[in-house]
Protein backbone atom coordinates (compact mmCIF):
# COMPACT_ATOMS: atom_id res chain seq x y z
CA MET A 1 -5.82 0.75 -3.90
CA LEU A 2 -8.51 2.90 -5.47
CA THR A 3 -6.90 6.13 -4.31
CA ALA A 4 -3.55 4.97 -5.71
CA VAL A 5 -5.00 4.71 -9.22
CA ALA A 6 -7.17 7.82 -8.90
CA ASN A 7 -4.40 9.98 -10.36
CA PRO A 8 -3.93 10.33 -14.13
CA LEU A 9 -0.14 10.34 -13.84
CA ARG A 10 -0.14 7.11 -11.83
CA LEU A 11 -2.33 5.56 -14.53
CA ARG A 12 0.29 6.58 -17.08
CA VAL A 13 2.98 4.93 -14.92
CA ILE A 14 0.94 1.72 -14.88
CA ALA A 15 0.50 1.88 -18.65
CA GLU A 16 4.26 2.31 -19.20
CA LEU A 17 5.10 -0.55 -16.85
CA ALA A 18 2.57 -2.83 -18.58
CA GLU A 19 5.21 -3.29 -21.28
CA GLY A 20 7.77 -4.59 -18.77
CA ARG A 21 10.23 -3.41 -16.15
CA VAL A 22 11.79 0.02 -16.66
CA HIS A 23 14.71 1.88 -15.10
CA VAL A 24 13.43 4.85 -13.09
CA SER A 25 15.35 7.44 -15.15
CA GLU A 26 13.98 6.03 -18.39
CA LEU A 27 10.46 6.01 -16.95
CA ALA A 28 10.81 9.66 -15.90
CA ARG A 29 11.96 10.55 -19.44
CA ARG A 30 9.06 8.70 -21.04
CA LEU A 31 6.57 10.48 -18.79
CA GLY A 32 8.28 13.88 -19.05
CA ILE A 33 8.50 14.37 -15.28
CA SER A 34 11.25 14.72 -12.68
CA ARG A 35 12.57 11.69 -10.85
CA PRO A 36 11.56 13.07 -7.42
CA LEU A 37 7.96 13.49 -8.61
CA LEU A 38 8.04 10.04 -10.18
CA TYR A 39 9.38 8.50 -6.96
CA MET A 40 6.48 10.08 -5.04
CA HIS A 41 3.98 8.41 -7.37
CA LEU A 42 5.87 5.11 -7.46
CA ASP A 43 5.91 5.06 -3.65
CA ARG A 44 2.13 5.40 -3.60
CA LEU A 45 1.73 2.62 -6.16
CA GLU A 46 4.21 0.39 -4.33
CA LYS A 47 2.38 0.82 -1.01
CA ALA A 48 -0.83 -0.19 -2.77
CA GLY A 49 0.85 -3.35 -4.08
CA ILE A 50 0.59 -2.31 -7.73
CA VAL A 51 4.29 -1.95 -8.54
CA THR A 52 7.53 -3.32 -7.13
CA GLY A 53 10.96 -1.76 -7.23
CA HIS A 54 14.28 -3.63 -7.38
CA LEU A 55 17.85 -2.41 -7.08
CA GLU A 56 20.34 -3.98 -9.46
CA LEU A 57 24.04 -3.34 -9.94
CA SER A 58 25.23 -2.30 -13.37
CA GLU A 59 28.46 -3.66 -14.82
CA ASP A 60 30.33 -0.60 -13.50
CA GLY A 61 28.93 -1.16 -9.98
CA LYS A 62 26.28 1.55 -10.10
CA ALA A 63 22.98 0.91 -8.29
CA MET A 64 20.09 0.95 -10.77
CA LYS A 65 16.47 1.08 -9.63
CA TYR A 66 13.95 -0.75 -11.81
CA PHE A 67 10.19 -0.89 -11.39
CA GLU A 68 7.67 -3.36 -12.72
CA LEU A 69 4.01 -4.12 -12.27
CA ALA A 70 3.01 -6.54 -9.56
CA PRO A 71 0.12 -8.87 -10.34
CA PHE A 72 -3.03 -7.05 -9.26
CA GLU A 73 -6.71 -6.95 -9.96
CA LEU A 74 -8.98 -4.02 -9.26
CA ARG A 75 -12.66 -4.76 -8.87
CA LEU A 76 -14.82 -1.71 -8.69
CA ASN A 77 -18.29 -1.67 -7.22
CA ALA A 78 -20.35 0.63 -5.01
CA GLU A 79 -18.95 -0.86 -1.80
CA VAL A 80 -15.33 -0.31 -2.87
CA ILE A 81 -16.08 3.28 -3.88
CA THR A 82 -17.89 3.97 -0.60
CA GLU A 83 -15.00 2.58 1.47
CA ALA A 84 -12.48 4.65 -0.51
CA LEU A 85 -14.52 7.80 0.07
CA ARG A 86 -14.79 7.07 3.79
CA ALA A 87 -11.04 6.57 4.04
CA SER A 88 -10.43 9.75 2.07
CA ASP A 89 -12.87 11.75 4.23
CA HIS A 90 -11.25 10.39 7.39
CA SER A 91 -7.78 11.38 6.14
CA ALA A 92 -8.99 14.86 5.25
CA ARG A 93 -10.53 15.35 8.70
CA THR A 94 -7.46 14.16 10.58
CA ALA A 95 -4.86 15.99 8.44
CA PRO A 96 -3.49 19.19 10.04
CA ASP A 97 -4.67 22.52 8.68
CA ALA A 98 -2.21 23.92 6.11
CA GLY A 99 -1.29 26.68 8.60
CA GLU A 100 -0.73 24.30 11.51
CA GLN A 101 2.44 22.62 12.61
CA PRO A 102 2.27 18.84 13.29
CA ASP A 103 1.85 19.65 17.02
CA GLY A 104 -1.31 21.65 16.26
CA GLN A 105 0.32 25.05 16.80
CA ARG A 106 -0.03 27.84 14.25
CA LYS A 107 3.07 28.98 12.36
CA GLU A 108 4.40 32.32 13.58
CA SER A 109 4.10 33.77 10.07
CA ASP A 110 0.36 32.96 10.11
CA LEU A 111 -0.36 34.91 13.29
């Protein structure tokens, strides 16, 4: 959860949703960002259990995606920070090099 809120833009999303549920297009407008970028951040927050998304049908039958805050509490202490750093370090060590393909091979353009 700590890494999910470690981004200033995700903190802004949380602040906007603190006022109540918001349609994704409206939220993107309020934040001044694209919907694809917003969806990336919302996905991270949703996986951490901080927000939830719901599809609703408008009167004209259009699917509308709304997001709202889920009840959550974040307690921060040295142990939580240490665990988050360990998880982050582990992810960094196991992530492929930027020039590697998922199978570990180098891209032809990098050779």
